[in-house]
Amino acid sequence: MDDFLTVIALIISLNAVICLYRAVIGPTTQDRLLGVNIVGTKTLVVVILITFIQAESFFLDVAIVYALLLFVVTVAVSRYLEAEGWEEMK
């Protein structure tokens, strides 16, 4: 079972690299914000998979804190960009 979860974690990590490409190349600010949010979510899933692979419960605490920070940062950046009019930043 651990080998299966390790393979899934590697596949999700490779998928995060593809999403990171969208975050860097994205034509609009919304695409970049969404790409970064997806990469953060995939990182969260990989941390949770590592929790099950290593059978250590403290990784789950780290994942909960990371999820809260990811949510707060996404809302803060969205509010800031909404106030600025979502103009393309160069």
N, C-alpha and C. Protein backbone atom coordinates (compact mmCIF):
# COMPACT_ATOMS: atom_id res chain seq x y z
N MET A 1 0.82 -1.20 0.00
CA MET A 1 0.00 0.00 0.00
C MET A 1 0.86 1.26 0.00
N ASP A 2 2.00 1.20 0.71
CA ASP A 2 2.88 2.36 0.75
C ASP A 2 3.46 2.68 -0.62
N ASP A 3 3.76 1.63 -1.41
CA ASP A 3 4.28 1.86 -2.76
C ASP A 3 3.24 2.55 -3.63
N PHE A 4 1.99 2.13 -3.49
CA PHE A 4 0.91 2.75 -4.26
C PHE A 4 0.77 4.23 -3.90
N LEU A 5 0.78 4.54 -2.61
CA LEU A 5 0.65 5.93 -2.18
C LEU A 5 1.86 6.76 -2.62
N THR A 6 3.04 6.15 -2.64
CA THR A 6 4.23 6.86 -3.11
C THR A 6 4.12 7.19 -4.59
N VAL A 7 3.63 6.25 -5.38
CA VAL A 7 3.44 6.50 -6.82
C VAL A 7 2.41 7.61 -7.03
N ILE A 8 1.33 7.57 -6.28
CA ILE A 8 0.30 8.61 -6.40
C ILE A 8 0.88 9.97 -6.02
N ALA A 9 1.69 10.03 -4.96
CA ALA A 9 2.31 11.30 -4.55
C ALA A 9 3.24 11.82 -5.64
N LEU A 10 3.98 10.94 -6.30
CA LEU A 10 4.86 11.36 -7.40
C LEU A 10 4.06 11.88 -8.60
N ILE A 11 2.96 11.21 -8.91
CA ILE A 11 2.11 11.67 -10.03
C ILE A 11 1.51 13.04 -9.72
N ILE A 12 1.05 13.24 -8.50
CA ILE A 12 0.49 14.53 -8.12
C ILE A 12 1.57 15.61 -8.15
N SER A 13 2.79 15.27 -7.75
CA SER A 13 3.89 16.23 -7.79
C SER A 13 4.22 16.63 -9.22
N LEU A 14 4.22 15.67 -10.14
CA LEU A 14 4.46 16.00 -11.55
C LEU A 14 3.33 16.87 -12.11
N ASN A 15 2.11 16.59 -11.69
CA ASN A 15 0.98 17.41 -12.11
C ASN A 15 1.11 18.83 -11.56
N ALA A 16 1.67 18.97 -10.36
CA ALA A 16 1.87 20.30 -9.78
C ALA A 16 2.88 21.10 -10.60
N VAL A 17 3.86 20.42 -11.18
CA VAL A 17 4.83 21.12 -12.03
C VAL A 17 4.14 21.69 -13.27
N ILE A 18 3.21 20.94 -13.82
CA ILE A 18 2.45 21.44 -14.97
C ILE A 18 1.62 22.66 -14.57
N CYS A 19 1.02 22.61 -13.41
CA CYS A 19 0.24 23.77 -12.93
C CYS A 19 1.15 24.95 -12.62
N LEU A 20 2.36 24.67 -12.17
CA LEU A 20 3.32 25.74 -11.92
C LEU A 20 3.69 26.44 -13.23
N TYR A 21 3.75 25.69 -14.31
CA TYR A 21 3.98 26.28 -15.63
C TYR A 21 2.87 27.28 -15.96
N ARG A 22 1.63 26.92 -15.67
CA ARG A 22 0.50 27.83 -15.92
C ARG A 22 0.60 29.06 -15.03
N ALA A 23 1.09 28.88 -13.82
CA ALA A 23 1.23 30.02 -12.91
C ALA A 23 2.29 30.99 -13.40
N VAL A 24 3.33 30.50 -14.03
CA VAL A 24 4.40 31.37 -14.52
C VAL A 24 4.03 31.98 -15.87
N ILE A 25 3.47 31.20 -16.77
CA ILE A 25 3.21 31.65 -18.14
C ILE A 25 1.82 32.25 -18.30
N GLY A 26 0.91 32.00 -17.38
CA GLY A 26 -0.48 32.43 -17.49
C GLY A 26 -0.66 33.81 -18.09
N PRO A 27 -1.53 33.94 -19.07
CA PRO A 27 -1.68 35.25 -19.73
C PRO A 27 -2.33 36.32 -18.84
N THR A 28 -3.12 35.90 -17.88
CA THR A 28 -3.79 36.89 -17.02
C THR A 28 -3.41 36.65 -15.56
N THR A 29 -3.70 37.63 -14.74
CA THR A 29 -3.44 37.52 -13.32
C THR A 29 -4.31 36.44 -12.68
N GLN A 30 -5.53 36.29 -13.15
CA GLN A 30 -6.40 35.26 -12.62
C GLN A 30 -5.82 33.87 -12.87
N ASP A 31 -5.24 33.65 -14.07
CA ASP A 31 -4.62 32.36 -14.35
C ASP A 31 -3.44 32.11 -13.43
N ARG A 32 -2.67 33.13 -13.16
CA ARG A 32 -1.52 32.97 -12.27
C ARG A 32 -1.97 32.66 -10.85
N LEU A 33 -2.98 33.36 -10.36
CA LEU A 33 -3.48 33.12 -9.01
C LEU A 33 -4.06 31.72 -8.89
N LEU A 34 -4.81 31.29 -9.88
CA LEU A 34 -5.39 29.96 -9.87
C LEU A 34 -4.31 28.89 -9.93
N GLY A 35 -3.28 29.11 -10.75
CA GLY A 35 -2.17 28.16 -10.84
C GLY A 35 -1.43 28.01 -9.53
N VAL A 36 -1.17 29.10 -8.86
CA VAL A 36 -0.49 29.04 -7.56
C VAL A 36 -1.37 28.35 -6.52
N ASN A 37 -2.66 28.62 -6.56
CA ASN A 37 -3.58 27.99 -5.63
C ASN A 37 -3.65 26.48 -5.85
N ILE A 38 -3.65 26.05 -7.11
CA ILE A 38 -3.68 24.63 -7.41
C ILE A 38 -2.39 23.95 -6.96
N VAL A 39 -1.26 24.60 -7.17
CA VAL A 39 0.02 24.04 -6.71
C VAL A 39 0.01 23.89 -5.19
N GLY A 40 -0.51 24.87 -4.49
CA GLY A 40 -0.59 24.79 -3.04
C GLY A 40 -1.50 23.66 -2.58
N THR A 41 -2.61 23.46 -3.27
CA THR A 41 -3.54 22.39 -2.92
C THR A 41 -2.91 21.03 -3.18
N LYS A 42 -2.21 20.90 -4.29
CA LYS A 42 -1.53 19.63 -4.59
C LYS A 42 -0.42 19.36 -3.58
N THR A 43 0.26 20.39 -3.14
CA THR A 43 1.27 20.21 -2.10
C THR A 43 0.62 19.72 -0.81
N LEU A 44 -0.53 20.26 -0.49
CA LEU A 44 -1.28 19.83 0.69
C LEU A 44 -1.64 18.35 0.58
N VAL A 45 -2.10 17.92 -0.57
CA VAL A 45 -2.45 16.51 -0.77
C VAL A 45 -1.23 15.61 -0.63
N VAL A 46 -0.08 16.05 -1.15
CA VAL A 46 1.14 15.26 -1.03
C VAL A 46 1.57 15.16 0.43
N VAL A 47 1.44 16.22 1.19
CA VAL A 47 1.77 16.17 2.62
C VAL A 47 0.85 15.18 3.35
N ILE A 48 -0.42 15.17 3.00
CA ILE A 48 -1.34 14.21 3.62
C ILE A 48 -1.00 12.78 3.23
N LEU A 49 -0.61 12.57 1.98
CA LEU A 49 -0.18 11.23 1.56
C LEU A 49 1.07 10.80 2.31
N ILE A 50 1.99 11.73 2.52
CA ILE A 50 3.20 11.41 3.29
C ILE A 50 2.83 11.05 4.73
N THR A 51 1.77 11.68 5.25
CA THR A 51 1.29 11.34 6.58
C THR A 51 0.90 9.87 6.66
N PHE A 52 0.19 9.40 5.65
CA PHE A 52 -0.22 8.00 5.65
C PHE A 52 0.95 7.06 5.36
N ILE A 53 1.87 7.47 4.49
CA ILE A 53 3.02 6.63 4.17
C ILE A 53 3.92 6.46 5.39
N GLN A 54 4.22 7.55 6.08
CA GLN A 54 5.12 7.51 7.23
C GLN A 54 4.43 7.09 8.52
N ALA A 55 3.11 7.08 8.53
CA ALA A 55 2.31 6.74 9.72
C ALA A 55 2.67 7.65 10.90
N GLU A 56 2.85 8.94 10.62
CA GLU A 56 3.13 9.95 11.64
C GLU A 56 1.99 10.96 11.64
N SER A 57 1.40 11.16 12.79
CA SER A 57 0.23 12.04 12.85
C SER A 57 0.58 13.52 12.88
N PHE A 58 1.83 13.89 13.21
CA PHE A 58 2.14 15.31 13.29
C PHE A 58 2.19 15.96 11.91
N PHE A 59 2.38 15.16 10.84
CA PHE A 59 2.32 15.73 9.49
C PHE A 59 0.91 16.23 9.19
N LEU A 60 -0.09 15.58 9.78
CA LEU A 60 -1.46 16.01 9.56
C LEU A 60 -1.71 17.39 10.19
N ASP A 61 -1.09 17.65 11.33
CA ASP A 61 -1.17 18.98 11.93
C ASP A 61 -0.54 20.03 11.03
N VAL A 62 0.59 19.69 10.44
CA VAL A 62 1.25 20.59 9.50
C VAL A 62 0.35 20.85 8.29
N ALA A 63 -0.32 19.81 7.81
CA ALA A 63 -1.21 19.96 6.66
C ALA A 63 -2.39 20.87 6.98
N ILE A 64 -2.93 20.78 8.18
CA ILE A 64 -4.06 21.64 8.57
C ILE A 64 -3.62 23.09 8.62
N VAL A 65 -2.47 23.35 9.21
CA VAL A 65 -1.96 24.73 9.27
C VAL A 65 -1.67 25.25 7.88
N TYR A 66 -1.08 24.39 7.02
CA TYR A 66 -0.79 24.80 5.65
C TYR A 66 -2.07 25.12 4.88
N ALA A 67 -3.12 24.34 5.09
CA ALA A 67 -4.40 24.59 4.42
C ALA A 67 -4.99 25.93 4.86
N LEU A 68 -4.91 26.23 6.16
CA LEU A 68 -5.42 27.51 6.65
C LEU A 68 -4.63 28.68 6.06
N LEU A 69 -3.31 28.55 6.03
CA LEU A 69 -2.49 29.62 5.44
C LEU A 69 -2.77 29.79 3.95
N LEU A 70 -2.94 28.68 3.26
CA LEU A 70 -3.24 28.75 1.82
C LEU A 70 -4.56 29.47 1.58
N PHE A 71 -5.55 29.18 2.39
CA PHE A 71 -6.85 29.83 2.25
C PHE A 71 -6.75 31.33 2.53
N VAL A 72 -6.09 31.69 3.62
CA VAL A 72 -5.99 33.10 4.00
C VAL A 72 -5.22 33.89 2.95
N VAL A 73 -4.13 33.34 2.45
CA VAL A 73 -3.33 34.03 1.44
C VAL A 73 -4.12 34.19 0.14
N THR A 74 -4.85 33.16 -0.26
CA THR A 74 -5.65 33.25 -1.49
C THR A 74 -6.72 34.32 -1.37
N VAL A 75 -7.39 34.37 -0.24
CA VAL A 75 -8.43 35.40 -0.04
C VAL A 75 -7.80 36.79 0.00
N ALA A 76 -6.67 36.93 0.68
CA ALA A 76 -6.02 38.24 0.78
C ALA A 76 -5.55 38.74 -0.59
N VAL A 77 -4.94 37.87 -1.37
CA VAL A 77 -4.46 38.29 -2.70
C VAL A 77 -5.64 38.59 -3.61
N SER A 78 -6.70 37.80 -3.52
CA SER A 78 -7.90 38.06 -4.34
C SER A 78 -8.53 39.41 -4.00
N ARG A 79 -8.62 39.71 -2.71
CA ARG A 79 -9.18 41.01 -2.30
C ARG A 79 -8.31 42.16 -2.77
N TYR A 80 -6.99 41.99 -2.66
CA TYR A 80 -6.08 43.03 -3.11
C TYR A 80 -6.21 43.26 -4.60
N LEU A 81 -6.24 42.18 -5.37
CA LEU A 81 -6.36 42.33 -6.82
C LEU A 81 -7.73 42.85 -7.22
N GLU A 82 -8.76 42.52 -6.45
CA GLU A 82 -10.08 43.07 -6.73
C GLU A 82 -10.10 44.58 -6.51
N ALA A 83 -9.42 45.04 -5.48
CA ALA A 83 -9.36 46.48 -5.21
C ALA A 83 -8.56 47.21 -6.27
N GLU A 84 -7.56 46.53 -6.82
CA GLU A 84 -6.73 47.13 -7.86
C GLU A 84 -7.34 47.00 -9.24
N GLY A 85 -8.42 46.27 -9.39
CA GLY A 85 -9.11 46.17 -10.68
C GLY A 85 -8.62 45.02 -11.53
N TRP A 86 -7.90 44.06 -11.00
CA TRP A 86 -7.41 42.89 -11.72
C TRP A 86 -6.61 43.26 -12.96
N GLU A 87 -5.93 44.39 -12.91
CA GLU A 87 -5.13 44.78 -14.07
C GLU A 87 -3.89 43.90 -14.15
N GLU A 88 -3.42 43.74 -15.37
CA GLU A 88 -2.25 42.89 -15.59
C GLU A 88 -1.02 43.55 -14.99
N MET A 89 -0.35 42.83 -14.10
CA MET A 89 0.86 43.34 -13.47
C MET A 89 2.06 42.93 -14.32
N LYS A 90 2.94 43.91 -14.62
CA LYS A 90 4.10 43.60 -15.46
C LYS A 90 5.37 43.90 -14.74
